[in-house]
Amino acid sequence: MSMAVPIGKQLRQAAPNLGPAEAKVARVLIASGLVAGLETVAALSERAGVSGPTVLRLAGKLGYASFPDFQRRIRAELEERRTSPLSLFDKAEAGSSAFARNSEALSGIVAASLAKASETDIDRAAALISDPRRAVYTTGGRFSRLIADMLFLHLDQLRPSVYRLQEDLQSRQDQVLRLDKRSLLIVFDVRRYEARTVEIVDIAKRRGAAIIAFTDPWASPIASHADVVLSADVQWTSVFDSIVPMTALCELVIAAVVEKLGDRGKTRMAELESLRTDYEWTSGGKQRRSNGAEDG
């Protein structure tokens, strides 16, 4: 499924070629989730603390013939971000070969996401996760937290000090108090982005934590705070966005972590396996310790 290159990605690709003033405008656009780009040239330049011509130069470097053209692309992208399952019902394709059509589309977005994945970014993410000096925290949005939980379960088998930020006895915002410069927060956020998740990342960054962001091609505002950004496609033939490509991308990161941890990860898993085999169930429904004693 074709889609114009997201403006957030355009800004990151252009970053090495931007002057200091143009970079200020880029940071304002990313931090505002592109909304600042809908303002007038004068308003955007004032917000960034630069001149009007600087704003126009940035739009030109991104390949837009004029600032109105740039704003039209922003409006289209914001509309794509706001797409809900309900709004996609009328756009869903019908036909007798739904299985073939949908399986091809799903395979396509997984392949496309992995093809666009940066080996360098995956390696950087794995290095941060494997750093024994850091405590690792995971969290995500309404659906993306399912991938965050999967990641937690894998990492907890490979290394100590892995935790989840989740709504329970405490709000996630309160739990961010635990994070500091020795912490790593791994966050998943896809359209329609959650304000609370964005707020949590903002607080964590101000507390000095490193951030790994998993997001979609339109880039959640969390990307502006991230040390590493990993993006995956979500849009296909279903009325619901897919988490499969992001899950696959997460699996790549987990595989890289396993390699980086090496014997440390193997030792941790061996200890876990020894705990799991301490008890076995007897045919009578009782637990038997590995030494033969029974628990009622």
C-alpha atoms as a PDB file:
ATOM      1  CA  MET A   1       0.000   0.000   0.000  1.00  0.00           C
ATOM      2  CA  SER A   2       1.729   3.173  -1.179  1.00  0.00           C
ATOM      3  CA  MET A   3       2.024   6.246   0.958  1.00  0.00           C
ATOM      4  CA  ALA A   4       4.066   9.418   0.659  1.00  0.00           C
ATOM      5  CA  VAL A   5       7.172   9.512   2.821  1.00  0.00           C
ATOM      6  CA  PRO A   6       6.014  10.820   6.225  1.00  0.00           C
ATOM      7  CA  ILE A   7       7.181  14.341   7.002  1.00  0.00           C
ATOM      8  CA  GLY A   8       8.767  13.199  10.273  1.00  0.00           C
ATOM      9  CA  LYS A   9      10.969  10.813   8.310  1.00  0.00           C
ATOM     10  CA  GLN A  10      11.729  13.543   5.747  1.00  0.00           C
ATOM     11  CA  LEU A  11      12.893  15.796   8.580  1.00  0.00           C
ATOM     12  CA  ARG A  12      15.127  13.093  10.084  1.00  0.00           C
ATOM     13  CA  GLN A  13      16.652  12.298   6.668  1.00  0.00           C
ATOM     14  CA  ALA A  14      17.280  15.981   5.968  1.00  0.00           C
ATOM     15  CA  ALA A  15      18.748  16.686   9.438  1.00  0.00           C
ATOM     16  CA  PRO A  16      22.441  16.385   8.407  1.00  0.00           C
ATOM     17  CA  ASN A  17      21.911  19.038   5.710  1.00  0.00           C
ATOM     18  CA  LEU A  18      19.971  21.553   7.816  1.00  0.00           C
ATOM     19  CA  GLY A  19      21.485  24.727   9.186  1.00  0.00           C
ATOM     20  CA  PRO A  20      21.087  25.551  12.899  1.00  0.00           C
ATOM     21  CA  ALA A  21      18.082  27.824  12.286  1.00  0.00           C
ATOM     22  CA  GLU A  22      16.355  25.317   9.996  1.00  0.00           C
ATOM     23  CA  ALA A  23      16.959  22.609  12.614  1.00  0.00           C
ATOM     24  CA  LYS A  24      15.070  24.758  15.141  1.00  0.00           C
ATOM     25  CA  VAL A  25      12.029  24.789  12.865  1.00  0.00           C
ATOM     26  CA  ALA A  26      12.308  21.040  12.374  1.00  0.00           C
ATOM     27  CA  ARG A  27      12.361  20.489  16.149  1.00  0.00           C
ATOM     28  CA  VAL A  28       9.256  22.644  16.609  1.00  0.00           C
ATOM     29  CA  LEU A  29       7.420  20.701  13.894  1.00  0.00           C
ATOM     30  CA  ILE A  30       8.322  17.307  15.397  1.00  0.00           C
ATOM     31  CA  ALA A  31       7.580  18.360  18.969  1.00  0.00           C
ATOM     32  CA  SER A  32       4.133  19.658  17.969  1.00  0.00           C
ATOM     33  CA  GLY A  33       3.269  16.549  15.993  1.00  0.00           C
ATOM     34  CA  LEU A  34       3.397  18.730  12.817  1.00  0.00           C
ATOM     35  CA  VAL A  35       0.479  20.867  14.004  1.00  0.00           C
ATOM     36  CA  ALA A  36       2.736  23.951  14.201  1.00  0.00           C
ATOM     37  CA  GLY A  37       3.205  23.628  10.438  1.00  0.00           C
ATOM     38  CA  LEU A  38      -0.414  24.646   9.917  1.00  0.00           C
ATOM     39  CA  GLU A  39       0.308  28.076  11.362  1.00  0.00           C
ATOM     40  CA  THR A  40       1.342  31.009   9.212  1.00  0.00           C
ATOM     41  CA  VAL A  41       4.985  31.408   8.243  1.00  0.00           C
ATOM     42  CA  ALA A  42       5.202  34.348  10.655  1.00  0.00           C
ATOM     43  CA  ALA A  43       3.710  32.368  13.564  1.00  0.00           C
ATOM     44  CA  LEU A  44       5.906  29.318  12.967  1.00  0.00           C
ATOM     45  CA  SER A  45       9.068  31.405  12.601  1.00  0.00           C
ATOM     46  CA  GLU A  46       8.259  33.253  15.833  1.00  0.00           C
ATOM     47  CA  ARG A  47       7.664  29.996  17.685  1.00  0.00           C
ATOM     48  CA  ALA A  48      11.018  28.630  16.471  1.00  0.00           C
ATOM     49  CA  GLY A  49      12.836  31.914  17.041  1.00  0.00           C
ATOM     50  CA  VAL A  50      13.981  32.227  13.430  1.00  0.00           C
ATOM     51  CA  SER A  51      13.179  34.338  10.388  1.00  0.00           C
ATOM     52  CA  GLY A  52      10.359  33.740   7.919  1.00  0.00           C
ATOM     53  CA  PRO A  53      12.727  32.906   5.041  1.00  0.00           C
ATOM     54  CA  THR A  54      14.223  30.136   7.210  1.00  0.00           C
ATOM     55  CA  VAL A  55      10.821  28.422   7.365  1.00  0.00           C
ATOM     56  CA  LEU A  56      10.476  28.683   3.582  1.00  0.00           C
ATOM     57  CA  ARG A  57      13.997  27.304   3.055  1.00  0.00           C
ATOM     58  CA  LEU A  58      13.191  24.274   5.179  1.00  0.00           C
ATOM     59  CA  ALA A  59      10.044  23.525   3.163  1.00  0.00           C
ATOM     60  CA  GLY A  60      12.131  23.839  -0.007  1.00  0.00           C
ATOM     61  CA  LYS A  61      14.815  21.453   1.291  1.00  0.00           C
ATOM     62  CA  LEU A  62      12.098  18.903   1.988  1.00  0.00           C
ATOM     63  CA  GLY A  63      11.071  19.098  -1.668  1.00  0.00           C
ATOM     64  CA  TYR A  64       7.971  21.319  -1.513  1.00  0.00           C
ATOM     65  CA  ALA A  65       7.495  23.985  -4.169  1.00  0.00           C
ATOM     66  CA  SER A  66       5.805  26.367  -1.726  1.00  0.00           C
ATOM     67  CA  PHE A  67       4.759  26.626   1.914  1.00  0.00           C
ATOM     68  CA  PRO A  68       1.073  26.049   0.990  1.00  0.00           C
ATOM     69  CA  ASP A  69       2.147  22.773  -0.682  1.00  0.00           C
ATOM     70  CA  PHE A  70       3.939  21.827   2.540  1.00  0.00           C
ATOM     71  CA  GLN A  71       0.830  22.612   4.573  1.00  0.00           C
ATOM     72  CA  ARG A  72      -1.381  20.547   2.258  1.00  0.00           C
ATOM     73  CA  ARG A  73       0.869  17.539   2.866  1.00  0.00           C
ATOM     74  CA  ILE A  74       0.716  18.160   6.634  1.00  0.00           C
ATOM     75  CA  ARG A  75      -3.100  18.259   6.549  1.00  0.00           C
ATOM     76  CA  ALA A  76      -3.215  15.004   4.578  1.00  0.00           C
ATOM     77  CA  GLU A  77      -0.811  13.329   6.991  1.00  0.00           C
ATOM     78  CA  LEU A  78      -2.710  14.487  10.061  1.00  0.00           C
ATOM     79  CA  GLU A  79      -5.875  13.089   8.514  1.00  0.00           C
ATOM     80  CA  GLU A  80      -4.112   9.740   7.966  1.00  0.00           C
ATOM     81  CA  ARG A  81      -3.025   9.747  11.601  1.00  0.00           C
ATOM     82  CA  ARG A  82      -6.579  10.309  12.823  1.00  0.00           C
ATOM     83  CA  THR A  83      -7.995   7.419  10.809  1.00  0.00           C
ATOM     84  CA  SER A  84     -10.132   5.174  13.023  1.00  0.00           C
ATOM     85  CA  PRO A  85     -11.432   1.625  12.397  1.00  0.00           C
ATOM     86  CA  LEU A  86     -14.951   3.025  11.954  1.00  0.00           C
ATOM     87  CA  SER A  87     -13.846   5.436   9.219  1.00  0.00           C
ATOM     88  CA  LEU A  88     -12.249   2.548   7.315  1.00  0.00           C
ATOM     89  CA  PHE A  89     -15.368   0.391   7.079  1.00  0.00           C
ATOM     90  CA  ASP A  90     -16.580   2.026   3.873  1.00  0.00           C
ATOM     91  CA  LYS A  91     -13.089   1.809   2.371  1.00  0.00           C
ATOM     92  CA  ALA A  92     -12.647  -1.903   3.059  1.00  0.00           C
ATOM     93  CA  GLU A  93     -12.439  -3.929  -0.134  1.00  0.00           C
ATOM     94  CA  ALA A  94     -14.944  -6.691  -0.790  1.00  0.00           C
ATOM     95  CA  GLY A  95     -14.576  -9.770  -2.938  1.00  0.00           C
ATOM     96  CA  SER A  96     -14.691 -13.539  -3.020  1.00  0.00           C
ATOM     97  CA  SER A  97     -10.976 -14.038  -2.378  1.00  0.00           C
ATOM     98  CA  ALA A  98     -10.736 -12.150   0.898  1.00  0.00           C
ATOM     99  CA  PHE A  99      -8.197 -14.606   2.305  1.00  0.00           C
ATOM    100  CA  ALA A 100      -5.824 -14.236  -0.639  1.00  0.00           C
ATOM    101  CA  ARG A 101      -6.209 -10.465  -0.751  1.00  0.00           C
ATOM    102  CA  ASN A 102      -5.700  -9.962   2.970  1.00  0.00           C
ATOM    103  CA  SER A 103      -2.872 -12.453   3.395  1.00  0.00           C
ATOM    104  CA  GLU A 104      -0.997 -10.822   0.515  1.00  0.00           C
ATOM    105  CA  ALA A 105      -1.502  -7.372   2.045  1.00  0.00           C
ATOM    106  CA  LEU A 106      -0.379  -8.516   5.495  1.00  0.00           C
ATOM    107  CA  SER A 107       2.706 -10.236   4.099  1.00  0.00           C
ATOM    108  CA  GLY A 108       3.442  -7.090   2.113  1.00  0.00           C
ATOM    109  CA  ILE A 109       3.452  -4.671   5.058  1.00  0.00           C
ATOM    110  CA  VAL A 110       5.595  -7.028   7.141  1.00  0.00           C
ATOM    111  CA  ALA A 111       8.128  -7.351   4.305  1.00  0.00           C
ATOM    112  CA  ALA A 112       8.080  -3.602   3.663  1.00  0.00           C
ATOM    113  CA  SER A 113       8.617  -2.773   7.345  1.00  0.00           C
ATOM    114  CA  LEU A 114      11.557  -5.140   7.686  1.00  0.00           C
ATOM    115  CA  ALA A 115      13.058  -3.915   4.407  1.00  0.00           C
ATOM    116  CA  LYS A 116      12.982  -0.330   5.711  1.00  0.00           C
ATOM    117  CA  ALA A 117      14.365  -1.265   9.133  1.00  0.00           C
ATOM    118  CA  SER A 118      17.764   0.187   9.937  1.00  0.00           C
ATOM    119  CA  GLU A 119      20.327  -2.373  11.080  1.00  0.00           C
ATOM    120  CA  THR A 120      22.202   0.439  12.792  1.00  0.00           C
ATOM    121  CA  ASP A 121      19.125   1.506  14.790  1.00  0.00           C
ATOM    122  CA  ILE A 122      18.331  -2.078  15.766  1.00  0.00           C
ATOM    123  CA  ASP A 123      21.913  -2.541  16.944  1.00  0.00           C
ATOM    124  CA  ARG A 124      21.751   0.702  18.946  1.00  0.00           C
ATOM    125  CA  ALA A 125      18.488  -0.397  20.548  1.00  0.00           C
ATOM    126  CA  ALA A 126      19.946  -3.800  21.426  1.00  0.00           C
ATOM    127  CA  ALA A 127      23.034  -2.168  22.930  1.00  0.00           C
ATOM    128  CA  LEU A 128      20.911   0.036  25.198  1.00  0.00           C
ATOM    129  CA  ILE A 129      18.756  -2.909  26.269  1.00  0.00           C
ATOM    130  CA  SER A 130      21.812  -5.090  26.959  1.00  0.00           C
ATOM    131  CA  ASP A 131      23.563  -2.493  29.125  1.00  0.00           C
ATOM    132  CA  PRO A 132      23.620  -4.077  32.623  1.00  0.00           C
ATOM    133  CA  ARG A 133      23.892  -0.642  34.250  1.00  0.00           C
ATOM    134  CA  ARG A 134      20.396   0.300  33.058  1.00  0.00           C
ATOM    135  CA  ALA A 135      17.025  -0.719  34.436  1.00  0.00           C
ATOM    136  CA  VAL A 136      14.631  -1.351  31.543  1.00  0.00           C
ATOM    137  CA  TYR A 137      10.962  -0.315  31.544  1.00  0.00           C
ATOM    138  CA  THR A 138       8.346  -1.065  28.878  1.00  0.00           C
ATOM    139  CA  THR A 139       4.985   0.532  28.167  1.00  0.00           C
ATOM    140  CA  GLY A 140       2.584   1.139  25.304  1.00  0.00           C
ATOM    141  CA  GLY A 141      -0.808   2.345  24.182  1.00  0.00           C
ATOM    142  CA  ARG A 142      -4.181   0.604  24.126  1.00  0.00           C
ATOM    143  CA  PHE A 143      -3.145  -2.090  21.636  1.00  0.00           C
ATOM    144  CA  SER A 144       0.591  -1.546  21.295  1.00  0.00           C
ATOM    145  CA  ARG A 145       1.100  -2.410  24.970  1.00  0.00           C
ATOM    146  CA  LEU A 146       0.481  -6.020  23.900  1.00  0.00           C
ATOM    147  CA  ILE A 147       3.837  -5.881  22.106  1.00  0.00           C
ATOM    148  CA  ALA A 148       5.365  -4.080  25.093  1.00  0.00           C
ATOM    149  CA  ASP A 149       4.225  -6.944  27.328  1.00  0.00           C
ATOM    150  CA  MET A 150       5.667  -9.515  24.931  1.00  0.00           C
ATOM    151  CA  LEU A 151       8.974  -7.665  24.967  1.00  0.00           C
ATOM    152  CA  PHE A 152       8.921  -7.556  28.775  1.00  0.00           C
ATOM    153  CA  LEU A 153       8.382 -11.326  28.993  1.00  0.00           C
ATOM    154  CA  HIS A 154      11.328 -12.000  26.682  1.00  0.00           C
ATOM    155  CA  LEU A 155      13.708  -9.529  28.308  1.00  0.00           C
ATOM    156  CA  ASP A 156      12.869 -10.708  31.812  1.00  0.00           C
ATOM    157  CA  GLN A 157      14.203 -14.136  30.826  1.00  0.00           C
ATOM    158  CA  LEU A 158      17.422 -12.632  29.483  1.00  0.00           C
ATOM    159  CA  ARG A 159      18.472 -10.015  32.032  1.00  0.00           C
ATOM    160  CA  PRO A 160      17.585  -8.632  35.478  1.00  0.00           C
ATOM    161  CA  SER A 161      15.937  -5.281  36.267  1.00  0.00           C
ATOM    162  CA  VAL A 162      13.170  -5.356  33.653  1.00  0.00           C
ATOM    163  CA  TYR A 163       9.827  -3.769  34.591  1.00  0.00           C
ATOM    164  CA  ARG A 164       6.485  -2.739  33.107  1.00  0.00           C
ATOM    165  CA  LEU A 165       4.803   0.635  33.460  1.00  0.00           C
ATOM    166  CA  GLN A 166       1.109  -0.226  33.615  1.00  0.00           C
ATOM    167  CA  GLU A 167      -2.066   1.157  35.102  1.00  0.00           C
ATOM    168  CA  ASP A 168      -2.576  -0.687  38.372  1.00  0.00           C
ATOM    169  CA  LEU A 169      -2.411   0.559  41.956  1.00  0.00           C
ATOM    170  CA  GLN A 170      -0.418   3.515  40.643  1.00  0.00           C
ATOM    171  CA  SER A 171      -0.824   5.533  37.477  1.00  0.00           C
ATOM    172  CA  ARG A 172       1.917   5.197  34.898  1.00  0.00           C
ATOM    173  CA  GLN A 173       2.803   8.849  35.512  1.00  0.00           C
ATOM    174  CA  ASP A 174       3.492   8.107  39.181  1.00  0.00           C
ATOM    175  CA  GLN A 175       5.650   5.114  38.254  1.00  0.00           C
ATOM    176  CA  VAL A 176       7.887   7.316  36.102  1.00  0.00           C
ATOM    177  CA  LEU A 177       9.307   8.562  39.421  1.00  0.00           C
ATOM    178  CA  ARG A 178      11.447   5.392  39.378  1.00  0.00           C
ATOM    179  CA  LEU A 179      13.222   6.409  36.181  1.00  0.00           C
ATOM    180  CA  ASP A 180      16.492   8.341  36.084  1.00  0.00           C
ATOM    181  CA  LYS A 181      19.625   8.624  33.940  1.00  0.00           C
ATOM    182  CA  ARG A 182      20.380   4.931  34.601  1.00  0.00           C
ATOM    183  CA  SER A 183      17.035   3.888  33.112  1.00  0.00           C
ATOM    184  CA  LEU A 184      15.834   2.904  29.652  1.00  0.00           C
ATOM    185  CA  LEU A 185      12.191   3.348  28.672  1.00  0.00           C
ATOM    186  CA  ILE A 186      10.931   1.370  25.659  1.00  0.00           C
ATOM    187  CA  VAL A 187       7.655   2.813  24.390  1.00  0.00           C
ATOM    188  CA  PHE A 188       5.162   1.663  21.766  1.00  0.00           C
ATOM    189  CA  ASP A 189       2.719   4.235  20.339  1.00  0.00           C
ATOM    190  CA  VAL A 190       0.789   4.114  17.057  1.00  0.00           C
ATOM    191  CA  ARG A 191      -2.002   6.204  15.603  1.00  0.00           C
ATOM    192  CA  ARG A 192      -4.250   7.494  17.212  1.00  0.00           C
ATOM    193  CA  TYR A 193      -1.531   8.505  19.649  1.00  0.00           C
ATOM    194  CA  GLU A 194      -2.227   8.526  23.386  1.00  0.00           C
ATOM    195  CA  ALA A 195      -1.666  11.799  25.204  1.00  0.00           C
ATOM    196  CA  ARG A 196      -0.806   9.996  28.445  1.00  0.00           C
ATOM    197  CA  THR A 197       1.866   7.921  26.734  1.00  0.00           C
ATOM    198  CA  VAL A 198       3.395  11.039  25.195  1.00  0.00           C
ATOM    199  CA  GLU A 199       3.340  12.741  28.602  1.00  0.00           C
ATOM    200  CA  ILE A 200       5.087   9.763  30.225  1.00  0.00           C
ATOM    201  CA  VAL A 201       7.880   9.874  27.642  1.00  0.00           C
ATOM    202  CA  ASP A 202       8.279  13.621  28.134  1.00  0.00           C
ATOM    203  CA  ILE A 203       8.626  13.180  31.911  1.00  0.00           C
ATOM    204  CA  ALA A 204      11.025  10.244  31.540  1.00  0.00           C
ATOM    205  CA  LYS A 205      13.245  12.219  29.168  1.00  0.00           C
ATOM    206  CA  ARG A 206      13.364  15.159  31.564  1.00  0.00           C
ATOM    207  CA  ARG A 207      14.431  12.729  34.295  1.00  0.00           C
ATOM    208  CA  GLY A 208      17.373  11.664  32.133  1.00  0.00           C
ATOM    209  CA  ALA A 209      16.155   8.262  30.913  1.00  0.00           C
ATOM    210  CA  ALA A 210      17.149   6.931  27.503  1.00  0.00           C
ATOM    211  CA  ILE A 211      14.177   6.293  25.187  1.00  0.00           C
ATOM    212  CA  ILE A 212      13.533   3.708  22.481  1.00  0.00           C
ATOM    213  CA  ALA A 213      10.377   4.501  20.500  1.00  0.00           C
ATOM    214  CA  PHE A 214       8.436   1.993  18.398  1.00  0.00           C
ATOM    215  CA  THR A 215       5.933   3.880  16.245  1.00  0.00           C
ATOM    216  CA  ASP A 216       4.242   3.990  12.844  1.00  0.00           C
ATOM    217  CA  PRO A 217       5.318   5.783   9.625  1.00  0.00           C
ATOM    218  CA  TRP A 218       3.598   9.021  10.703  1.00  0.00           C
ATOM    219  CA  ALA A 219       5.666   9.066  13.915  1.00  0.00           C
ATOM    220  CA  SER A 220       4.076   9.607  17.303  1.00  0.00           C
ATOM    221  CA  PRO A 221       5.239  12.723  19.168  1.00  0.00           C
ATOM    222  CA  ILE A 222       7.273  10.350  21.368  1.00  0.00           C
ATOM    223  CA  ALA A 223       9.760  10.141  18.481  1.00  0.00           C
ATOM    224  CA  SER A 224      10.954  13.682  19.201  1.00  0.00           C
ATOM    225  CA  HIS A 225      12.260  12.518  22.608  1.00  0.00           C
ATOM    226  CA  ALA A 226      13.704   9.181  21.499  1.00  0.00           C
ATOM    227  CA  ASP A 227      17.336   8.149  21.292  1.00  0.00           C
ATOM    228  CA  VAL A 228      16.319   5.405  18.848  1.00  0.00           C
ATOM    229  CA  VAL A 229      13.187   5.399  16.660  1.00  0.00           C
ATOM    230  CA  LEU A 230      11.959   2.161  15.069  1.00  0.00           C
ATOM    231  CA  SER A 231       8.924   2.415  12.794  1.00  0.00           C
ATOM    232  CA  ALA A 232       6.687  -0.189  11.200  1.00  0.00           C
ATOM    233  CA  ASP A 233       3.761  -0.037   8.791  1.00  0.00           C
ATOM    234  CA  VAL A 234       0.296  -0.555  10.268  1.00  0.00           C
ATOM    235  CA  GLN A 235      -2.130   0.142   7.411  1.00  0.00           C
ATOM    236  CA  TRP A 236      -3.411  -2.673   5.227  1.00  0.00           C
ATOM    237  CA  THR A 237      -6.738  -3.999   3.882  1.00  0.00           C
ATOM    238  CA  SER A 238      -8.448  -4.471   7.262  1.00  0.00           C
ATOM    239  CA  VAL A 239     -10.493  -1.818   9.049  1.00  0.00           C
ATOM    240  CA  PHE A 240      -8.067  -2.334  11.949  1.00  0.00           C
ATOM    241  CA  ASP A 241      -4.404  -1.383  11.833  1.00  0.00           C
ATOM    242  CA  SER A 242      -2.040  -4.332  12.156  1.00  0.00           C
ATOM    243  CA  ILE A 243       0.471  -4.850  14.988  1.00  0.00           C
ATOM    244  CA  VAL A 244       2.113  -7.745  13.126  1.00  0.00           C
ATOM    245  CA  PRO A 245       4.885  -5.712  11.401  1.00  0.00           C
ATOM    246  CA  MET A 246       5.808  -3.987  14.670  1.00  0.00           C
ATOM    247  CA  THR A 247       5.837  -7.342  16.434  1.00  0.00           C
ATOM    248  CA  ALA A 248       8.226  -8.660  13.780  1.00  0.00           C
ATOM    249  CA  LEU A 249      10.448  -5.593  14.216  1.00  0.00           C
ATOM    250  CA  CYS A 250      10.420  -6.145  17.971  1.00  0.00           C
ATOM    251  CA  GLU A 251      11.423  -9.778  17.410  1.00  0.00           C
ATOM    252  CA  LEU A 252      14.462  -8.569  15.443  1.00  0.00           C
ATOM    253  CA  VAL A 253      15.485  -6.420  18.391  1.00  0.00           C
ATOM    254  CA  ILE A 254      15.046  -9.351  20.800  1.00  0.00           C
ATOM    255  CA  ALA A 255      17.237 -11.549  18.582  1.00  0.00           C
ATOM    256  CA  ALA A 256      19.917  -8.844  18.560  1.00  0.00           C
ATOM    257  CA  VAL A 257      19.732  -8.582  22.359  1.00  0.00           C
ATOM    258  CA  VAL A 258      20.226 -12.349  22.704  1.00  0.00           C
ATOM    259  CA  GLU A 259      23.411 -12.098  20.638  1.00  0.00           C
ATOM    260  CA  LYS A 260      24.741  -9.133  22.587  1.00  0.00           C
ATOM    261  CA  LEU A 261      24.092 -10.684  25.987  1.00  0.00           C
ATOM    262  CA  GLY A 262      25.718 -13.956  25.019  1.00  0.00           C
ATOM    263  CA  ASP A 263      26.678 -16.013  28.081  1.00  0.00           C
ATOM    264  CA  ARG A 264      25.020 -13.511  30.438  1.00  0.00           C
ATOM    265  CA  GLY A 265      21.662 -14.195  28.838  1.00  0.00           C
ATOM    266  CA  LYS A 266      22.296 -17.931  28.727  1.00  0.00           C
ATOM    267  CA  THR A 267      23.163 -18.024  32.445  1.00  0.00           C
ATOM    268  CA  ARG A 268      20.018 -16.073  33.317  1.00  0.00           C
ATOM    269  CA  MET A 269      17.837 -18.451  31.296  1.00  0.00           C
ATOM    270  CA  ALA A 270      19.516 -21.481  32.887  1.00  0.00           C
ATOM    271  CA  GLU A 271      18.704 -20.112  36.351  1.00  0.00           C
ATOM    272  CA  LEU A 272      15.106 -19.557  35.297  1.00  0.00           C
ATOM    273  CA  GLU A 273      14.820 -23.085  33.924  1.00  0.00           C
ATOM    274  CA  SER A 274      16.148 -24.485  37.212  1.00  0.00           C
ATOM    275  CA  LEU A 275      13.361 -22.663  39.057  1.00  0.00           C
ATOM    276  CA  ARG A 276      10.750 -23.971  36.658  1.00  0.00           C
ATOM    277  CA  THR A 277      11.858 -27.569  37.152  1.00  0.00           C
ATOM    278  CA  ASP A 278      11.908 -27.361  40.970  1.00  0.00           C
ATOM    279  CA  TYR A 279       8.278 -28.475  40.957  1.00  0.00           C
ATOM    280  CA  GLU A 280       6.444 -31.083  38.917  1.00  0.00           C
ATOM    281  CA  TRP A 281       2.806 -32.171  39.027  1.00  0.00           C
ATOM    282  CA  THR A 282       1.973 -35.687  40.126  1.00  0.00           C
ATOM    283  CA  SER A 283      -0.923 -37.635  38.624  1.00  0.00           C
ATOM    284  CA  GLY A 284      -2.873 -36.979  41.823  1.00  0.00           C
ATOM    285  CA  GLY A 285      -2.752 -33.222  41.322  1.00  0.00           C
ATOM    286  CA  LYS A 286      -0.108 -32.614  43.977  1.00  0.00           C
ATOM    287  CA  GLN A 287       3.162 -30.759  43.539  1.00  0.00           C
ATOM    288  CA  ARG A 288       6.337 -32.751  44.059  1.00  0.00           C
ATOM    289  CA  ARG A 289       9.619 -30.999  44.680  1.00  0.00           C
ATOM    290  CA  SER A 290      12.548 -32.153  42.632  1.00  0.00           C
ATOM    291  CA  ASN A 291      13.893 -33.791  45.825  1.00  0.00           C
ATOM    292  CA  GLY A 292      10.781 -35.997  46.086  1.00  0.00           C
ATOM    293  CA  ALA A 293       8.875 -34.181  48.837  1.00  0.00           C
ATOM    294  CA  GLU A 294       5.211 -33.441  48.155  1.00  0.00           C
ATOM    295  CA  ASP A 295       3.198 -30.266  48.748  1.00  0.00           C
ATOM    296  CA  GLY A 296      -0.501 -30.627  49.427  1.00  0.00           C
END
